[in-house]
Amino acid sequence: MAPEHAPPRNPELVGTINDEEIMEDRTSSRCPVHCPIVFKGDRMLGKGTLTNLSLSGCGVESTTILRKGMYLSVAMNLPNQESPMDIGLATVRWSLGSKFGLEFIRTGLGEQAQLRRLVAQNS
């Protein structure tokens, strides 16, 4: 059985990110977007720009630095939508400088349908 927190495969890569490893972890295709996002965690509030979106997560650029494993609630102002889409729970899957990737954990049925439509239109 593997330890709960296994050491990195290459100690020289600590704090960096490998694009191939990110792509291997993705379970759905992403579409490029450019719209505002607000995220809230334990005693913190931040905002940024959504850079890509999929059914299971998104990429964000922000001046707020986040750590891998943090849990957040998210409000995204998606294109052609009157009100922000709320994601009840997301986790930071990777973080490097001003960029990070979120995985959606708790998404309502209406939001899932909206994400499917948006990704299908932009893929």
PDB file of N, CA and C in Angstrom:
ATOM      1  N   MET A   1       0.841  -1.179   0.000  1.00  0.00           N
ATOM      2  CA  MET A   1       0.000   0.000   0.000  1.00  0.00           C
ATOM      3  C   MET A   1       0.884   1.239   0.000  1.00  0.00           C
ATOM      4  N   ALA A   2       0.569   2.203  -0.872  1.00  0.00           N
ATOM      5  CA  ALA A   2       1.383   3.414  -0.993  1.00  0.00           C
ATOM      6  C   ALA A   2       1.127   4.331   0.188  1.00  0.00           C
ATOM      7  N   PRO A   3       2.142   5.096   0.597  1.00  0.00           N
ATOM      8  CA  PRO A   3       1.931   6.048   1.680  1.00  0.00           C
ATOM      9  C   PRO A   3       0.931   7.116   1.262  1.00  0.00           C
ATOM     10  N   GLU A   4       0.262   7.699   2.256  1.00  0.00           N
ATOM     11  CA  GLU A   4      -0.763   8.696   1.979  1.00  0.00           C
ATOM     12  C   GLU A   4      -0.197   9.903   1.239  1.00  0.00           C
ATOM     13  N   HIS A   5       0.999  10.329   1.606  1.00  0.00           N
ATOM     14  CA  HIS A   5       1.645  11.467   0.954  1.00  0.00           C
ATOM     15  C   HIS A   5       2.968  10.994   0.375  1.00  0.00           C
ATOM     16  N   ALA A   6       2.917  10.393  -0.807  1.00  0.00           N
ATOM     17  CA  ALA A   6       4.128   9.869  -1.443  1.00  0.00           C
ATOM     18  C   ALA A   6       5.041  11.013  -1.849  1.00  0.00           C
ATOM     19  N   PRO A   7       6.360  10.824  -1.776  1.00  0.00           N
ATOM     20  CA  PRO A   7       7.287  11.871  -2.192  1.00  0.00           C
ATOM     21  C   PRO A   7       7.196  12.092  -3.691  1.00  0.00           C
ATOM     22  N   PRO A   8       7.558  13.308  -4.161  1.00  0.00           N
ATOM     23  CA  PRO A   8       7.515  13.565  -5.596  1.00  0.00           C
ATOM     24  C   PRO A   8       8.461  12.622  -6.332  1.00  0.00           C
ATOM     25  N   ARG A   9       8.113  12.318  -7.582  1.00  0.00           N
ATOM     26  CA  ARG A   9       8.941  11.414  -8.385  1.00  0.00           C
ATOM     27  C   ARG A   9      10.327  11.990  -8.616  1.00  0.00           C
ATOM     28  N   ASN A  10      10.427  13.276  -8.813  1.00  0.00           N
ATOM     29  CA  ASN A  10      11.713  13.919  -9.048  1.00  0.00           C
ATOM     30  C   ASN A  10      11.820  15.100  -8.100  1.00  0.00           C
ATOM     31  N   PRO A  11      12.689  15.032  -7.086  1.00  0.00           N
ATOM     32  CA  PRO A  11      12.784  16.116  -6.105  1.00  0.00           C
ATOM     33  C   PRO A  11      13.097  17.467  -6.724  1.00  0.00           C
ATOM     34  N   GLU A  12      13.744  17.497  -7.899  1.00  0.00           N
ATOM     35  CA  GLU A  12      14.061  18.770  -8.548  1.00  0.00           C
ATOM     36  C   GLU A  12      12.816  19.467  -9.082  1.00  0.00           C
ATOM     37  N   LEU A  13      11.705  18.746  -9.205  1.00  0.00           N
ATOM     38  CA  LEU A  13      10.486  19.325  -9.760  1.00  0.00           C
ATOM     39  C   LEU A  13       9.520  19.829  -8.696  1.00  0.00           C
ATOM     40  N   VAL A  14       9.911  19.803  -7.433  1.00  0.00           N
ATOM     41  CA  VAL A  14       9.033  20.282  -6.375  1.00  0.00           C
ATOM     42  C   VAL A  14       8.710  21.749  -6.641  1.00  0.00           C
ATOM     43  N   GLY A  15       7.426  22.095  -6.628  1.00  0.00           N
ATOM     44  CA  GLY A  15       7.005  23.471  -6.849  1.00  0.00           C
ATOM     45  C   GLY A  15       6.858  23.828  -8.314  1.00  0.00           C
ATOM     46  N   THR A  16       7.103  22.882  -9.209  1.00  0.00           N
ATOM     47  CA  THR A  16       6.906  23.133 -10.625  1.00  0.00           C
ATOM     48  C   THR A  16       5.793  22.233 -11.125  1.00  0.00           C
ATOM     49  N   ILE A  17       5.422  22.440 -12.357  1.00  0.00           N
ATOM     50  CA  ILE A  17       4.337  21.651 -12.912  1.00  0.00           C
ATOM     51  C   ILE A  17       4.727  21.156 -14.287  1.00  0.00           C
ATOM     52  N   ASN A  18       4.360  19.956 -14.600  1.00  0.00           N
ATOM     53  CA  ASN A  18       4.681  19.331 -15.865  1.00  0.00           C
ATOM     54  C   ASN A  18       3.388  19.236 -16.673  1.00  0.00           C
ATOM     55  N   ASP A  19       3.356  19.891 -17.846  1.00  0.00           N
ATOM     56  CA  ASP A  19       2.137  19.914 -18.655  1.00  0.00           C
ATOM     57  C   ASP A  19       1.646  18.516 -19.016  1.00  0.00           C
ATOM     58  N   GLU A  20       2.558  17.578 -19.276  1.00  0.00           N
ATOM     59  CA  GLU A  20       2.140  16.225 -19.620  1.00  0.00           C
ATOM     60  C   GLU A  20       1.419  15.553 -18.459  1.00  0.00           C
ATOM     61  N   GLU A  21       1.885  15.789 -17.219  1.00  0.00           N
ATOM     62  CA  GLU A  21       1.221  15.193 -16.066  1.00  0.00           C
ATOM     63  C   GLU A  21      -0.171  15.779 -15.878  1.00  0.00           C
ATOM     64  N   ILE A  22      -0.330  17.066 -16.119  1.00  0.00           N
ATOM     65  CA  ILE A  22      -1.653  17.688 -16.003  1.00  0.00           C
ATOM     66  C   ILE A  22      -2.590  17.067 -17.035  1.00  0.00           C
ATOM     67  N   MET A  23      -2.133  16.946 -18.271  1.00  0.00           N
ATOM     68  CA  MET A  23      -2.967  16.396 -19.328  1.00  0.00           C
ATOM     69  C   MET A  23      -3.369  14.953 -19.029  1.00  0.00           C
ATOM     70  N   GLU A  24      -2.472  14.167 -18.427  1.00  0.00           N
ATOM     71  CA  GLU A  24      -2.800  12.783 -18.086  1.00  0.00           C
ATOM     72  C   GLU A  24      -3.933  12.716 -17.068  1.00  0.00           C
ATOM     73  N   ASP A  25      -4.021  13.691 -16.165  1.00  0.00           N
ATOM     74  CA  ASP A  25      -5.035  13.686 -15.120  1.00  0.00           C
ATOM     75  C   ASP A  25      -6.398  14.168 -15.614  1.00  0.00           C
ATOM     76  N   ARG A  26      -6.464  14.819 -16.758  1.00  0.00           N
ATOM     77  CA  ARG A  26      -7.722  15.381 -17.231  1.00  0.00           C
ATOM     78  C   ARG A  26      -8.638  14.292 -17.736  1.00  0.00           C
ATOM     79  N   THR A  27      -9.900  14.395 -17.334  1.00  0.00           N
ATOM     80  CA  THR A  27     -10.878  13.391 -17.746  1.00  0.00           C
ATOM     81  C   THR A  27     -11.827  13.912 -18.813  1.00  0.00           C
ATOM     82  N   SER A  28     -11.800  15.205 -19.103  1.00  0.00           N
ATOM     83  CA  SER A  28     -12.662  15.751 -20.148  1.00  0.00           C
ATOM     84  C   SER A  28     -11.939  16.887 -20.855  1.00  0.00           C
ATOM     85  N   SER A  29     -12.333  17.135 -22.105  1.00  0.00           N
ATOM     86  CA  SER A  29     -11.672  18.173 -22.884  1.00  0.00           C
ATOM     87  C   SER A  29     -12.045  19.554 -22.355  1.00  0.00           C
ATOM     88  N   ARG A  30     -11.148  20.491 -22.579  1.00  0.00           N
ATOM     89  CA  ARG A  30     -11.341  21.859 -22.103  1.00  0.00           C
ATOM     90  C   ARG A  30     -11.535  22.800 -23.275  1.00  0.00           C
ATOM     91  N   CYS A  31     -12.302  23.856 -23.035  1.00  0.00           N
ATOM     92  CA  CYS A  31     -12.467  24.883 -24.054  1.00  0.00           C
ATOM     93  C   CYS A  31     -11.898  26.191 -23.505  1.00  0.00           C
ATOM     94  N   PRO A  32     -11.297  26.991 -24.380  1.00  0.00           N
ATOM     95  CA  PRO A  32     -10.747  28.268 -23.925  1.00  0.00           C
ATOM     96  C   PRO A  32     -11.874  29.255 -23.614  1.00  0.00           C
ATOM     97  N   VAL A  33     -11.732  29.979 -22.535  1.00  0.00           N
ATOM     98  CA  VAL A  33     -12.674  31.040 -22.160  1.00  0.00           C
ATOM     99  C   VAL A  33     -11.863  32.177 -21.552  1.00  0.00           C
ATOM    100  N   HIS A  34     -12.479  33.310 -21.423  1.00  0.00           N
ATOM    101  CA  HIS A  34     -11.828  34.455 -20.791  1.00  0.00           C
ATOM    102  C   HIS A  34     -12.930  35.251 -20.098  1.00  0.00           C
ATOM    103  N   CYS A  35     -13.144  34.961 -18.815  1.00  0.00           N
ATOM    104  CA  CYS A  35     -14.203  35.640 -18.086  1.00  0.00           C
ATOM    105  C   CYS A  35     -13.862  35.686 -16.587  1.00  0.00           C
ATOM    106  N   PRO A  36     -14.512  36.569 -15.856  1.00  0.00           N
ATOM    107  CA  PRO A  36     -14.217  36.731 -14.426  1.00  0.00           C
ATOM    108  C   PRO A  36     -14.664  35.538 -13.586  1.00  0.00           C
ATOM    109  N   ILE A  37     -13.915  35.298 -12.518  1.00  0.00           N
ATOM    110  CA  ILE A  37     -14.240  34.252 -11.557  1.00  0.00           C
ATOM    111  C   ILE A  37     -13.946  34.791 -10.158  1.00  0.00           C
ATOM    112  N   VAL A  38     -14.800  34.427  -9.212  1.00  0.00           N
ATOM    113  CA  VAL A  38     -14.598  34.773  -7.806  1.00  0.00           C
ATOM    114  C   VAL A  38     -14.577  33.460  -7.035  1.00  0.00           C
ATOM    115  N   PHE A  39     -13.642  33.334  -6.100  1.00  0.00           N
ATOM    116  CA  PHE A  39     -13.542  32.109  -5.317  1.00  0.00           C
ATOM    117  C   PHE A  39     -13.374  32.460  -3.850  1.00  0.00           C
ATOM    118  N   LYS A  40     -13.924  31.580  -3.023  1.00  0.00           N
ATOM    119  CA  LYS A  40     -13.941  31.824  -1.582  1.00  0.00           C
ATOM    120  C   LYS A  40     -13.516  30.547  -0.873  1.00  0.00           C
ATOM    121  N   GLY A  41     -12.600  30.705   0.067  1.00  0.00           N
ATOM    122  CA  GLY A  41     -12.145  29.583   0.872  1.00  0.00           C
ATOM    123  C   GLY A  41     -12.202  29.944   2.340  1.00  0.00           C
ATOM    124  N   ASP A  42     -11.577  29.123   3.151  1.00  0.00           N
ATOM    125  CA  ASP A  42     -11.542  29.364   4.585  1.00  0.00           C
ATOM    126  C   ASP A  42     -10.804  30.669   4.874  1.00  0.00           C
ATOM    127  N   ARG A  43     -11.518  31.677   5.277  1.00  0.00           N
ATOM    128  CA  ARG A  43     -10.975  32.998   5.626  1.00  0.00           C
ATOM    129  C   ARG A  43     -10.236  33.682   4.480  1.00  0.00           C
ATOM    130  N   MET A  44     -10.662  33.453   3.238  1.00  0.00           N
ATOM    131  CA  MET A  44     -10.064  34.145   2.100  1.00  0.00           C
ATOM    132  C   MET A  44     -11.073  34.309   0.987  1.00  0.00           C
ATOM    133  N   LEU A  45     -10.882  35.379   0.224  1.00  0.00           N
ATOM    134  CA  LEU A  45     -11.724  35.680  -0.926  1.00  0.00           C
ATOM    135  C   LEU A  45     -10.795  36.161  -2.029  1.00  0.00           C
ATOM    136  N   GLY A  46     -10.967  35.643  -3.234  1.00  0.00           N
ATOM    137  CA  GLY A  46     -10.103  36.053  -4.333  1.00  0.00           C
ATOM    138  C   GLY A  46     -10.879  36.155  -5.623  1.00  0.00           C
ATOM    139  N   LYS A  47     -10.249  36.776  -6.596  1.00  0.00           N
ATOM    140  CA  LYS A  47     -10.853  36.872  -7.922  1.00  0.00           C
ATOM    141  C   LYS A  47      -9.767  36.677  -8.961  1.00  0.00           C
ATOM    142  N   GLY A  48     -10.204  36.340 -10.157  1.00  0.00           N
ATOM    143  CA  GLY A  48      -9.251  36.100 -11.222  1.00  0.00           C
ATOM    144  C   GLY A  48      -9.953  36.003 -12.551  1.00  0.00           C
ATOM    145  N   THR A  49      -9.253  35.405 -13.510  1.00  0.00           N
ATOM    146  CA  THR A  49      -9.778  35.220 -14.856  1.00  0.00           C
ATOM    147  C   THR A  49      -9.790  33.740 -15.188  1.00  0.00           C
ATOM    148  N   LEU A  50     -10.934  33.263 -15.584  1.00  0.00           N
ATOM    149  CA  LEU A  50     -11.090  31.891 -16.043  1.00  0.00           C
ATOM    150  C   LEU A  50     -10.408  31.795 -17.399  1.00  0.00           C
ATOM    151  N   THR A  51      -9.497  30.817 -17.585  1.00  0.00           N
ATOM    152  CA  THR A  51      -8.767  30.698 -18.845  1.00  0.00           C
ATOM    153  C   THR A  51      -9.212  29.505 -19.681  1.00  0.00           C
ATOM    154  N   ASN A  52      -9.725  28.466 -19.028  1.00  0.00           N
ATOM    155  CA  ASN A  52     -10.279  27.323 -19.753  1.00  0.00           C
ATOM    156  C   ASN A  52     -11.287  26.628 -18.858  1.00  0.00           C
ATOM    157  N   LEU A  53     -12.142  25.837 -19.496  1.00  0.00           N
ATOM    158  CA  LEU A  53     -13.262  25.248 -18.776  1.00  0.00           C
ATOM    159  C   LEU A  53     -13.573  23.864 -19.338  1.00  0.00           C
ATOM    160  N   SER A  54     -13.917  22.937 -18.448  1.00  0.00           N
ATOM    161  CA  SER A  54     -14.373  21.608 -18.859  1.00  0.00           C
ATOM    162  C   SER A  54     -15.546  21.228 -17.972  1.00  0.00           C
ATOM    163  N   LEU A  55     -16.087  20.037 -18.194  1.00  0.00           N
ATOM    164  CA  LEU A  55     -17.177  19.565 -17.355  1.00  0.00           C
ATOM    165  C   LEU A  55     -16.724  19.310 -15.925  1.00  0.00           C
ATOM    166  N   SER A  56     -15.439  19.030 -15.743  1.00  0.00           N
ATOM    167  CA  SER A  56     -14.958  18.652 -14.415  1.00  0.00           C
ATOM    168  C   SER A  56     -14.048  19.673 -13.744  1.00  0.00           C
ATOM    169  N   GLY A  57     -13.758  20.784 -14.415  1.00  0.00           N
ATOM    170  CA  GLY A  57     -12.873  21.760 -13.784  1.00  0.00           C
ATOM    171  C   GLY A  57     -12.557  22.927 -14.679  1.00  0.00           C
ATOM    172  N   CYS A  58     -11.569  23.723 -14.238  1.00  0.00           N
ATOM    173  CA  CYS A  58     -11.207  24.916 -14.993  1.00  0.00           C
ATOM    174  C   CYS A  58      -9.780  25.354 -14.659  1.00  0.00           C
ATOM    175  N   GLY A  59      -9.251  26.207 -15.514  1.00  0.00           N
ATOM    176  CA  GLY A  59      -7.968  26.850 -15.277  1.00  0.00           C
ATOM    177  C   GLY A  59      -8.219  28.306 -14.931  1.00  0.00           C
ATOM    178  N   VAL A  60      -7.415  28.848 -14.014  1.00  0.00           N
ATOM    179  CA  VAL A  60      -7.617  30.217 -13.537  1.00  0.00           C
ATOM    180  C   VAL A  60      -6.275  30.927 -13.465  1.00  0.00           C
ATOM    181  N   GLU A  61      -6.294  32.220 -13.745  1.00  0.00           N
ATOM    182  CA  GLU A  61      -5.141  33.081 -13.512  1.00  0.00           C
ATOM    183  C   GLU A  61      -5.581  34.154 -12.530  1.00  0.00           C
ATOM    184  N   SER A  62      -4.774  34.378 -11.482  1.00  0.00           N
ATOM    185  CA  SER A  62      -5.169  35.281 -10.407  1.00  0.00           C
ATOM    186  C   SER A  62      -3.943  35.822  -9.678  1.00  0.00           C
ATOM    187  N   THR A  63      -4.106  36.975  -9.056  1.00  0.00           N
ATOM    188  CA  THR A  63      -3.036  37.495  -8.199  1.00  0.00           C
ATOM    189  C   THR A  63      -3.075  36.837  -6.820  1.00  0.00           C
ATOM    190  N   THR A  64      -4.156  36.116  -6.524  1.00  0.00           N
ATOM    191  CA  THR A  64      -4.265  35.372  -5.272  1.00  0.00           C
ATOM    192  C   THR A  64      -3.557  34.033  -5.445  1.00  0.00           C
ATOM    193  N   ILE A  65      -2.576  33.765  -4.616  1.00  0.00           N
ATOM    194  CA  ILE A  65      -1.815  32.523  -4.703  1.00  0.00           C
ATOM    195  C   ILE A  65      -2.506  31.457  -3.853  1.00  0.00           C
ATOM    196  N   LEU A  66      -2.811  30.320  -4.475  1.00  0.00           N
ATOM    197  CA  LEU A  66      -3.479  29.224  -3.775  1.00  0.00           C
ATOM    198  C   LEU A  66      -2.563  28.009  -3.711  1.00  0.00           C
ATOM    199  N   ARG A  67      -2.828  27.143  -2.741  1.00  0.00           N
ATOM    200  CA  ARG A  67      -2.060  25.910  -2.568  1.00  0.00           C
ATOM    201  C   ARG A  67      -2.874  24.710  -3.055  1.00  0.00           C
ATOM    202  N   LYS A  68      -2.173  23.731  -3.594  1.00  0.00           N
ATOM    203  CA  LYS A  68      -2.810  22.484  -3.994  1.00  0.00           C
ATOM    204  C   LYS A  68      -3.526  21.882  -2.786  1.00  0.00           C
ATOM    205  N   GLY A  69      -4.758  21.408  -3.011  1.00  0.00           N
ATOM    206  CA  GLY A  69      -5.525  20.772  -1.947  1.00  0.00           C
ATOM    207  C   GLY A  69      -6.501  21.696  -1.241  1.00  0.00           C
ATOM    208  N   MET A  70      -6.421  23.014  -1.487  1.00  0.00           N
ATOM    209  CA  MET A  70      -7.373  23.930  -0.861  1.00  0.00           C
ATOM    210  C   MET A  70      -8.776  23.676  -1.419  1.00  0.00           C
ATOM    211  N   TYR A  71      -9.798  23.889  -0.587  1.00  0.00           N
ATOM    212  CA  TYR A  71     -11.192  23.760  -1.003  1.00  0.00           C
ATOM    213  C   TYR A  71     -11.803  25.147  -1.125  1.00  0.00           C
ATOM    214  N   LEU A  72     -12.608  25.329  -2.177  1.00  0.00           N
ATOM    215  CA  LEU A  72     -13.187  26.638  -2.475  1.00  0.00           C
ATOM    216  C   LEU A  72     -14.627  26.497  -2.942  1.00  0.00           C
ATOM    217  N   SER A  73     -15.381  27.571  -2.807  1.00  0.00           N
ATOM    218  CA  SER A  73     -16.626  27.723  -3.553  1.00  0.00           C
ATOM    219  C   SER A  73     -16.315  28.742  -4.648  1.00  0.00           C
ATOM    220  N   VAL A  74     -17.011  28.634  -5.774  1.00  0.00           N
ATOM    221  CA  VAL A  74     -16.640  29.396  -6.963  1.00  0.00           C
ATOM    222  C   VAL A  74     -17.885  30.005  -7.602  1.00  0.00           C
ATOM    223  N   ALA A  75     -17.746  31.231  -8.092  1.00  0.00           N
ATOM    224  CA  ALA A  75     -18.788  31.876  -8.907  1.00  0.00           C
ATOM    225  C   ALA A  75     -18.127  32.342 -10.196  1.00  0.00           C
ATOM    226  N   MET A  76     -18.607  31.811 -11.337  1.00  0.00           N
ATOM    227  CA  MET A  76     -18.028  32.133 -12.640  1.00  0.00           C
ATOM    228  C   MET A  76     -19.019  32.944 -13.465  1.00  0.00           C
ATOM    229  N   ASN A  77     -18.560  34.048 -14.029  1.00  0.00           N
ATOM    230  CA  ASN A  77     -19.386  34.862 -14.923  1.00  0.00           C
ATOM    231  C   ASN A  77     -19.131  34.405 -16.351  1.00  0.00           C
ATOM    232  N   LEU A  78     -19.845  33.357 -16.755  1.00  0.00           N
ATOM    233  CA  LEU A  78     -19.616  32.734 -18.056  1.00  0.00           C
ATOM    234  C   LEU A  78     -20.224  33.544 -19.190  1.00  0.00           C
ATOM    235  N   PRO A  79     -19.674  33.397 -20.404  1.00  0.00           N
ATOM    236  CA  PRO A  79     -20.190  34.142 -21.557  1.00  0.00           C
ATOM    237  C   PRO A  79     -21.674  33.849 -21.808  1.00  0.00           C
ATOM    238  N   ASN A  80     -22.400  34.876 -22.183  1.00  0.00           N
ATOM    239  CA  ASN A  80     -23.815  34.782 -22.555  1.00  0.00           C
ATOM    240  C   ASN A  80     -24.709  34.267 -21.432  1.00  0.00           C
ATOM    241  N   GLN A  81     -24.307  34.442 -20.180  1.00  0.00           N
ATOM    242  CA  GLN A  81     -25.118  34.032 -19.036  1.00  0.00           C
ATOM    243  C   GLN A  81     -25.490  35.280 -18.229  1.00  0.00           C
ATOM    244  N   GLU A  82     -26.740  35.371 -17.817  1.00  0.00           N
ATOM    245  CA  GLU A  82     -27.193  36.542 -17.076  1.00  0.00           C
ATOM    246  C   GLU A  82     -26.647  36.603 -15.655  1.00  0.00           C
ATOM    247  N   SER A  83     -26.547  35.448 -15.009  1.00  0.00           N
ATOM    248  CA  SER A  83     -26.064  35.430 -13.626  1.00  0.00           C
ATOM    249  C   SER A  83     -24.881  34.470 -13.501  1.00  0.00           C
ATOM    250  N   PRO A  84     -24.045  34.670 -12.491  1.00  0.00           N
ATOM    251  CA  PRO A  84     -22.879  33.795 -12.308  1.00  0.00           C
ATOM    252  C   PRO A  84     -23.286  32.350 -12.046  1.00  0.00           C
ATOM    253  N   MET A  85     -22.450  31.426 -12.507  1.00  0.00           N
ATOM    254  CA  MET A  85     -22.645  30.012 -12.215  1.00  0.00           C
ATOM    255  C   MET A  85     -21.906  29.718 -10.916  1.00  0.00           C
ATOM    256  N   ASP A  86     -22.617  29.128  -9.961  1.00  0.00           N
ATOM    257  CA  ASP A  86     -22.025  28.789  -8.674  1.00  0.00           C
ATOM    258  C   ASP A  86     -21.624  27.320  -8.643  1.00  0.00           C
ATOM    259  N   ILE A  87     -20.403  27.075  -8.226  1.00  0.00           N
ATOM    260  CA  ILE A  87     -19.907  25.725  -7.983  1.00  0.00           C
ATOM    261  C   ILE A  87     -19.755  25.613  -6.472  1.00  0.00           C
ATOM    262  N   GLY A  88     -20.536  24.740  -5.870  1.00  0.00           N
ATOM    263  CA  GLY A  88     -20.579  24.636  -4.414  1.00  0.00           C
ATOM    264  C   GLY A  88     -19.266  24.246  -3.770  1.00  0.00           C
ATOM    265  N   LEU A  89     -18.504  23.374  -4.442  1.00  0.00           N
ATOM    266  CA  LEU A  89     -17.236  22.931  -3.875  1.00  0.00           C
ATOM    267  C   LEU A  89     -16.278  22.543  -4.990  1.00  0.00           C
ATOM    268  N   ALA A  90     -15.067  23.093  -4.922  1.00  0.00           N
ATOM    269  CA  ALA A  90     -13.996  22.771  -5.863  1.00  0.00           C
ATOM    270  C   ALA A  90     -12.709  22.630  -5.066  1.00  0.00           C
ATOM    271  N   THR A  91     -11.737  21.925  -5.635  1.00  0.00           N
ATOM    272  CA  THR A  91     -10.438  21.795  -4.987  1.00  0.00           C
ATOM    273  C   THR A  91      -9.342  22.231  -5.953  1.00  0.00           C
ATOM    274  N   VAL A  92      -8.281  22.786  -5.409  1.00  0.00           N
ATOM    275  CA  VAL A  92      -7.127  23.183  -6.214  1.00  0.00           C
ATOM    276  C   VAL A  92      -6.327  21.923  -6.519  1.00  0.00           C
ATOM    277  N   ARG A  93      -6.248  21.545  -7.796  1.00  0.00           N
ATOM    278  CA  ARG A  93      -5.520  20.335  -8.205  1.00  0.00           C
ATOM    279  C   ARG A  93      -4.045  20.620  -8.445  1.00  0.00           C
ATOM    280  N   TRP A  94      -3.732  21.829  -8.919  1.00  0.00           N
ATOM    281  CA  TRP A  94      -2.340  22.234  -9.113  1.00  0.00           C
ATOM    282  C   TRP A  94      -2.255  23.748  -9.018  1.00  0.00           C
ATOM    283  N   SER A  95      -1.090  24.237  -8.695  1.00  0.00           N
ATOM    284  CA  SER A  95      -0.874  25.665  -8.566  1.00  0.00           C
ATOM    285  C   SER A  95       0.569  25.985  -8.924  1.00  0.00           C
ATOM    286  N   LEU A  96       0.756  27.003  -9.747  1.00  0.00           N
ATOM    287  CA  LEU A  96       2.087  27.440 -10.124  1.00  0.00           C
ATOM    288  C   LEU A  96       2.059  28.951 -10.353  1.00  0.00           C
ATOM    289  N   GLY A  97       2.620  29.678  -9.417  1.00  0.00           N
ATOM    290  CA  GLY A  97       2.629  31.135  -9.522  1.00  0.00           C
ATOM    291  C   GLY A  97       1.221  31.688  -9.532  1.00  0.00           C
ATOM    292  N   SER A  98       0.900  32.433 -10.578  1.00  0.00           N
ATOM    293  CA  SER A  98      -0.417  33.081 -10.661  1.00  0.00           C
ATOM    294  C   SER A  98      -1.469  32.203 -11.328  1.00  0.00           C
ATOM    295  N   LYS A  99      -1.116  30.953 -11.670  1.00  0.00           N
ATOM    296  CA  LYS A  99      -2.064  30.066 -12.343  1.00  0.00           C
ATOM    297  C   LYS A  99      -2.370  28.862 -11.466  1.00  0.00           C
ATOM    298  N   PHE A 100      -3.612  28.374 -11.566  1.00  0.00           N
ATOM    299  CA  PHE A 100      -3.984  27.156 -10.856  1.00  0.00           C
ATOM    300  C   PHE A 100      -5.137  26.471 -11.575  1.00  0.00           C
ATOM    301  N   GLY A 101      -5.300  25.196 -11.273  1.00  0.00           N
ATOM    302  CA  GLY A 101      -6.373  24.410 -11.855  1.00  0.00           C
ATOM    303  C   GLY A 101      -7.320  23.932 -10.773  1.00  0.00           C
ATOM    304  N   LEU A 102      -8.607  24.019 -11.043  1.00  0.00           N
ATOM    305  CA  LEU A 102      -9.630  23.580 -10.093  1.00  0.00           C
ATOM    306  C   LEU A 102     -10.350  22.347 -10.623  1.00  0.00           C
ATOM    307  N   GLU A 103     -10.683  21.453  -9.706  1.00  0.00           N
ATOM    308  CA  GLU A 103     -11.554  20.326 -10.017  1.00  0.00           C
ATOM    309  C   GLU A 103     -12.878  20.571  -9.311  1.00  0.00           C
ATOM    310  N   PHE A 104     -13.973  20.489 -10.060  1.00  0.00           N
ATOM    311  CA  PHE A 104     -15.297  20.675  -9.478  1.00  0.00           C
ATOM    312  C   PHE A 104     -15.692  19.411  -8.726  1.00  0.00           C
ATOM    313  N   ILE A 105     -16.069  19.560  -7.476  1.00  0.00           N
ATOM    314  CA  ILE A 105     -16.466  18.419  -6.650  1.00  0.00           C
ATOM    315  C   ILE A 105     -17.977  18.375  -6.478  1.00  0.00           C
ATOM    316  N   ARG A 106     -18.573  19.508  -6.179  1.00  0.00           N
ATOM    317  CA  ARG A 106     -20.021  19.572  -5.968  1.00  0.00           C
ATOM    318  C   ARG A 106     -20.621  20.581  -6.943  1.00  0.00           C
ATOM    319  N   THR A 107     -21.365  20.054  -7.935  1.00  0.00           N
ATOM    320  CA  THR A 107     -21.982  20.883  -8.967  1.00  0.00           C
ATOM    321  C   THR A 107     -23.445  20.477  -9.099  1.00  0.00           C
ATOM    322  N   GLY A 108     -24.327  21.431  -9.084  1.00  0.00           N
ATOM    323  CA  GLY A 108     -25.753  21.150  -9.218  1.00  0.00           C
ATOM    324  C   GLY A 108     -26.105  20.647 -10.609  1.00  0.00           C
ATOM    325  N   LEU A 109     -27.269  20.007 -10.740  1.00  0.00           N
ATOM    326  CA  LEU A 109     -27.702  19.462 -12.035  1.00  0.00           C
ATOM    327  C   LEU A 109     -27.849  20.551 -13.093  1.00  0.00           C
ATOM    328  N   GLY A 110     -28.382  21.696 -12.703  1.00  0.00           N
ATOM    329  CA  GLY A 110     -28.527  22.807 -13.647  1.00  0.00           C
ATOM    330  C   GLY A 110     -27.175  23.315 -14.127  1.00  0.00           C
ATOM    331  N   GLU A 111     -26.216  23.398 -13.230  1.00  0.00           N
ATOM    332  CA  GLU A 111     -24.876  23.847 -13.582  1.00  0.00           C
ATOM    333  C   GLU A 111     -24.180  22.830 -14.488  1.00  0.00           C
ATOM    334  N   GLN A 112     -24.394  21.530 -14.208  1.00  0.00           N
ATOM    335  CA  GLN A 112     -23.803  20.491 -15.060  1.00  0.00           C
ATOM    336  C   GLN A 112     -24.337  20.600 -16.491  1.00  0.00           C
ATOM    337  N   ALA A 113     -25.638  20.811 -16.630  1.00  0.00           N
ATOM    338  CA  ALA A 113     -26.239  20.952 -17.959  1.00  0.00           C
ATOM    339  C   ALA A 113     -25.698  22.199 -18.656  1.00  0.00           C
ATOM    340  N   GLN A 114     -25.563  23.279 -17.927  1.00  0.00           N
ATOM    341  CA  GLN A 114     -25.034  24.525 -18.475  1.00  0.00           C
ATOM    342  C   GLN A 114     -23.578  24.340 -18.931  1.00  0.00           C
ATOM    343  N   LEU A 115     -22.792  23.638 -18.129  1.00  0.00           N
ATOM    344  CA  LEU A 115     -21.397  23.363 -18.498  1.00  0.00           C
ATOM    345  C   LEU A 115     -21.336  22.514 -19.769  1.00  0.00           C
ATOM    346  N   ARG A 116     -22.185  21.482 -19.861  1.00  0.00           N
ATOM    347  CA  ARG A 116     -22.202  20.623 -21.055  1.00  0.00           C
ATOM    348  C   ARG A 116     -22.496  21.449 -22.313  1.00  0.00           C
ATOM    349  N   ARG A 117     -23.501  22.332 -22.224  1.00  0.00           N
ATOM    350  CA  ARG A 117     -23.855  23.168 -23.379  1.00  0.00           C
ATOM    351  C   ARG A 117     -22.696  24.070 -23.770  1.00  0.00           C
ATOM    352  N   LEU A 118     -22.110  24.741 -22.781  1.00  0.00           N
ATOM    353  CA  LEU A 118     -21.028  25.692 -23.061  1.00  0.00           C
ATOM    354  C   LEU A 118     -19.804  25.001 -23.653  1.00  0.00           C
ATOM    355  N   VAL A 119     -19.413  23.877 -23.076  1.00  0.00           N
ATOM    356  CA  VAL A 119     -18.236  23.149 -23.583  1.00  0.00           C
ATOM    357  C   VAL A 119     -18.512  22.618 -24.990  1.00  0.00           C
ATOM    358  N   ALA A 120     -19.716  22.099 -25.233  1.00  0.00           N
ATOM    359  CA  ALA A 120     -20.062  21.577 -26.552  1.00  0.00           C
ATOM    360  C   ALA A 120     -20.021  22.695 -27.595  1.00  0.00           C
ATOM    361  N   GLN A 121     -20.494  23.880 -27.252  1.00  0.00           N
ATOM    362  CA  GLN A 121     -20.520  25.002 -28.182  1.00  0.00           C
ATOM    363  C   GLN A 121     -19.118  25.512 -28.501  1.00  0.00           C
ATOM    364  N   ASN A 122     -18.185  25.375 -27.569  1.00  0.00           N
ATOM    365  CA  ASN A 122     -16.856  25.957 -27.731  1.00  0.00           C
ATOM    366  C   ASN A 122     -15.752  24.952 -28.009  1.00  0.00           C
ATOM    367  N   SER A 123     -16.099  23.687 -28.169  1.00  0.00           N
ATOM    368  CA  SER A 123     -15.070  22.669 -28.432  1.00  0.00           C
ATOM    369  C   SER A 123     -14.860  22.454 -29.905  1.00  0.00           C
TER     370      SER A 123
END
